[in-house]
Amino acid sequence: MATLIVGLIVAAVLMLAARQLYKDRKSGKFSCGGNCEGCPNSCVCCGSCHSDLKN
């Protein structure tokens, strides 16, 4: 019974975390903080990392 309760708690925490990530992504928040200087996806020539925020 304890295993079931702990499993349900873990599942609920994971669902809340996934929901928060989805809401943040939909509202335009980025998990990297928007600092593209150290980002491996920031290409100077093509501006692939948050190109909408650069200009």
N, C-alpha and C. Protein backbone atom coordinates (compact mmCIF):
# COMPACT_ATOMS: atom_id res chain seq x y z
N MET A 1 0.82 -1.19 0.00
CA MET A 1 0.00 0.00 0.00
C MET A 1 0.87 1.27 0.00
N ALA A 2 1.94 1.24 0.77
CA ALA A 2 2.84 2.40 0.84
C ALA A 2 3.49 2.66 -0.51
N THR A 3 3.82 1.61 -1.23
CA THR A 3 4.43 1.75 -2.55
C THR A 3 3.47 2.44 -3.51
N LEU A 4 2.21 2.10 -3.45
CA LEU A 4 1.20 2.73 -4.29
C LEU A 4 1.07 4.22 -3.98
N ILE A 5 1.06 4.55 -2.71
CA ILE A 5 0.92 5.96 -2.31
C ILE A 5 2.12 6.77 -2.77
N VAL A 6 3.32 6.23 -2.55
CA VAL A 6 4.53 6.93 -2.98
C VAL A 6 4.55 7.05 -4.50
N GLY A 7 4.15 6.03 -5.21
CA GLY A 7 4.08 6.07 -6.67
C GLY A 7 3.12 7.13 -7.17
N LEU A 8 1.98 7.26 -6.52
CA LEU A 8 1.01 8.29 -6.90
C LEU A 8 1.54 9.69 -6.63
N ILE A 9 2.26 9.86 -5.53
CA ILE A 9 2.84 11.16 -5.21
C ILE A 9 3.89 11.54 -6.25
N VAL A 10 4.74 10.59 -6.60
CA VAL A 10 5.78 10.84 -7.62
C VAL A 10 5.14 11.16 -8.96
N ALA A 11 4.11 10.43 -9.33
CA ALA A 11 3.42 10.68 -10.60
C ALA A 11 2.78 12.07 -10.61
N ALA A 12 2.21 12.48 -9.47
CA ALA A 12 1.58 13.80 -9.39
C ALA A 12 2.63 14.90 -9.53
N VAL A 13 3.79 14.73 -8.88
CA VAL A 13 4.86 15.74 -8.99
C VAL A 13 5.35 15.83 -10.42
N LEU A 14 5.52 14.70 -11.08
CA LEU A 14 5.97 14.71 -12.48
C LEU A 14 4.95 15.38 -13.40
N MET A 15 3.68 15.13 -13.15
CA MET A 15 2.64 15.76 -13.97
C MET A 15 2.61 17.27 -13.76
N LEU A 16 2.79 17.72 -12.52
CA LEU A 16 2.82 19.16 -12.25
C LEU A 16 4.03 19.82 -12.90
N ALA A 17 5.17 19.14 -12.87
CA ALA A 17 6.37 19.69 -13.50
C ALA A 17 6.19 19.78 -15.01
N ALA A 18 5.63 18.76 -15.62
CA ALA A 18 5.39 18.77 -17.06
C ALA A 18 4.39 19.86 -17.44
N ARG A 19 3.38 20.04 -16.62
CA ARG A 19 2.39 21.08 -16.88
C ARG A 19 3.02 22.46 -16.81
N GLN A 20 3.89 22.68 -15.83
CA GLN A 20 4.55 23.97 -15.70
C GLN A 20 5.48 24.23 -16.88
N LEU A 21 6.21 23.23 -17.32
CA LEU A 21 7.08 23.38 -18.49
C LEU A 21 6.26 23.72 -19.73
N TYR A 22 5.13 23.07 -19.90
CA TYR A 22 4.25 23.33 -21.04
C TYR A 22 3.73 24.77 -21.01
N LYS A 23 3.29 25.21 -19.83
CA LYS A 23 2.77 26.57 -19.70
C LYS A 23 3.86 27.60 -19.95
N ASP A 24 5.07 27.35 -19.42
CA ASP A 24 6.18 28.28 -19.65
C ASP A 24 6.54 28.34 -21.12
N ARG A 25 6.59 27.21 -21.76
CA ARG A 25 6.94 27.17 -23.19
C ARG A 25 5.89 27.91 -24.02
N LYS A 26 4.62 27.73 -23.67
CA LYS A 26 3.54 28.37 -24.41
C LYS A 26 3.55 29.89 -24.22
N SER A 27 3.99 30.37 -23.04
CA SER A 27 4.01 31.80 -22.77
C SER A 27 5.30 32.47 -23.24
N GLY A 28 6.23 31.70 -23.79
CA GLY A 28 7.45 32.27 -24.34
C GLY A 28 8.63 32.29 -23.40
N LYS A 29 8.52 31.67 -22.25
CA LYS A 29 9.64 31.59 -21.33
C LYS A 29 10.55 30.45 -21.77
N PHE A 30 11.84 30.65 -21.59
CA PHE A 30 12.80 29.64 -22.00
C PHE A 30 13.53 29.10 -20.77
N SER A 31 13.79 27.82 -20.75
CA SER A 31 14.46 27.21 -19.61
C SER A 31 15.93 27.57 -19.54
N CYS A 32 16.50 28.05 -20.63
CA CYS A 32 17.93 28.39 -20.62
C CYS A 32 18.16 29.80 -20.10
N GLY A 33 17.14 30.59 -19.91
CA GLY A 33 17.30 31.94 -19.39
C GLY A 33 17.46 32.99 -20.47
N GLY A 34 17.58 32.58 -21.73
CA GLY A 34 17.68 33.53 -22.82
C GLY A 34 19.08 34.08 -23.04
N ASN A 35 20.07 33.60 -22.32
CA ASN A 35 21.45 34.05 -22.49
C ASN A 35 22.09 33.21 -23.59
N CYS A 36 22.22 33.75 -24.77
CA CYS A 36 22.67 32.98 -25.92
C CYS A 36 24.19 32.96 -26.09
N GLU A 37 24.93 33.68 -25.25
CA GLU A 37 26.38 33.73 -25.41
C GLU A 37 27.02 32.36 -25.23
N GLY A 38 26.57 31.57 -24.28
CA GLY A 38 27.15 30.27 -24.03
C GLY A 38 26.35 29.12 -24.59
N CYS A 39 25.34 29.42 -25.35
CA CYS A 39 24.44 28.39 -25.89
C CYS A 39 25.06 27.71 -27.10
N PRO A 40 25.10 26.38 -27.12
CA PRO A 40 25.64 25.69 -28.29
C PRO A 40 24.77 25.85 -29.53
N ASN A 41 23.52 26.27 -29.35
CA ASN A 41 22.63 26.46 -30.49
C ASN A 41 22.68 27.86 -31.06
N SER A 42 23.47 28.75 -30.44
CA SER A 42 23.54 30.12 -30.94
C SER A 42 24.57 30.20 -32.05
N CYS A 43 24.10 30.36 -33.22
CA CYS A 43 24.96 30.46 -34.39
C CYS A 43 24.95 31.92 -34.85
N VAL A 44 26.11 32.52 -34.94
CA VAL A 44 26.20 33.93 -35.32
C VAL A 44 25.67 34.14 -36.74
N CYS A 45 25.93 33.19 -37.62
CA CYS A 45 25.53 33.36 -39.02
C CYS A 45 24.03 33.18 -39.24
N CYS A 46 23.41 32.27 -38.49
CA CYS A 46 21.99 32.01 -38.75
C CYS A 46 21.09 32.43 -37.60
N GLY A 47 21.63 32.66 -36.40
CA GLY A 47 20.84 33.12 -35.26
C GLY A 47 19.74 32.16 -34.88
N SER A 48 20.06 30.87 -34.77
CA SER A 48 19.03 29.89 -34.51
C SER A 48 18.53 29.88 -33.07
N CYS A 49 19.32 30.40 -32.14
CA CYS A 49 18.93 30.39 -30.73
C CYS A 49 18.13 31.64 -30.42
N HIS A 50 16.84 31.51 -30.23
CA HIS A 50 15.94 32.63 -29.88
C HIS A 50 16.09 33.78 -30.87
N SER A 51 16.01 33.49 -32.10
CA SER A 51 16.20 34.52 -33.13
C SER A 51 15.18 35.66 -33.01
N ASP A 52 14.02 35.38 -32.43
CA ASP A 52 13.03 36.43 -32.27
C ASP A 52 13.39 37.41 -31.16
N LEU A 53 14.31 37.05 -30.27
CA LEU A 53 14.71 37.93 -29.18
C LEU A 53 15.92 38.79 -29.52
N LYS A 54 16.67 38.45 -30.56
CA LYS A 54 17.90 39.15 -30.86
C LYS A 54 17.65 40.54 -31.42
N ASN A 55 16.66 40.73 -32.23
CA ASN A 55 16.37 42.04 -32.83
C ASN A 55 14.95 42.40 -32.60
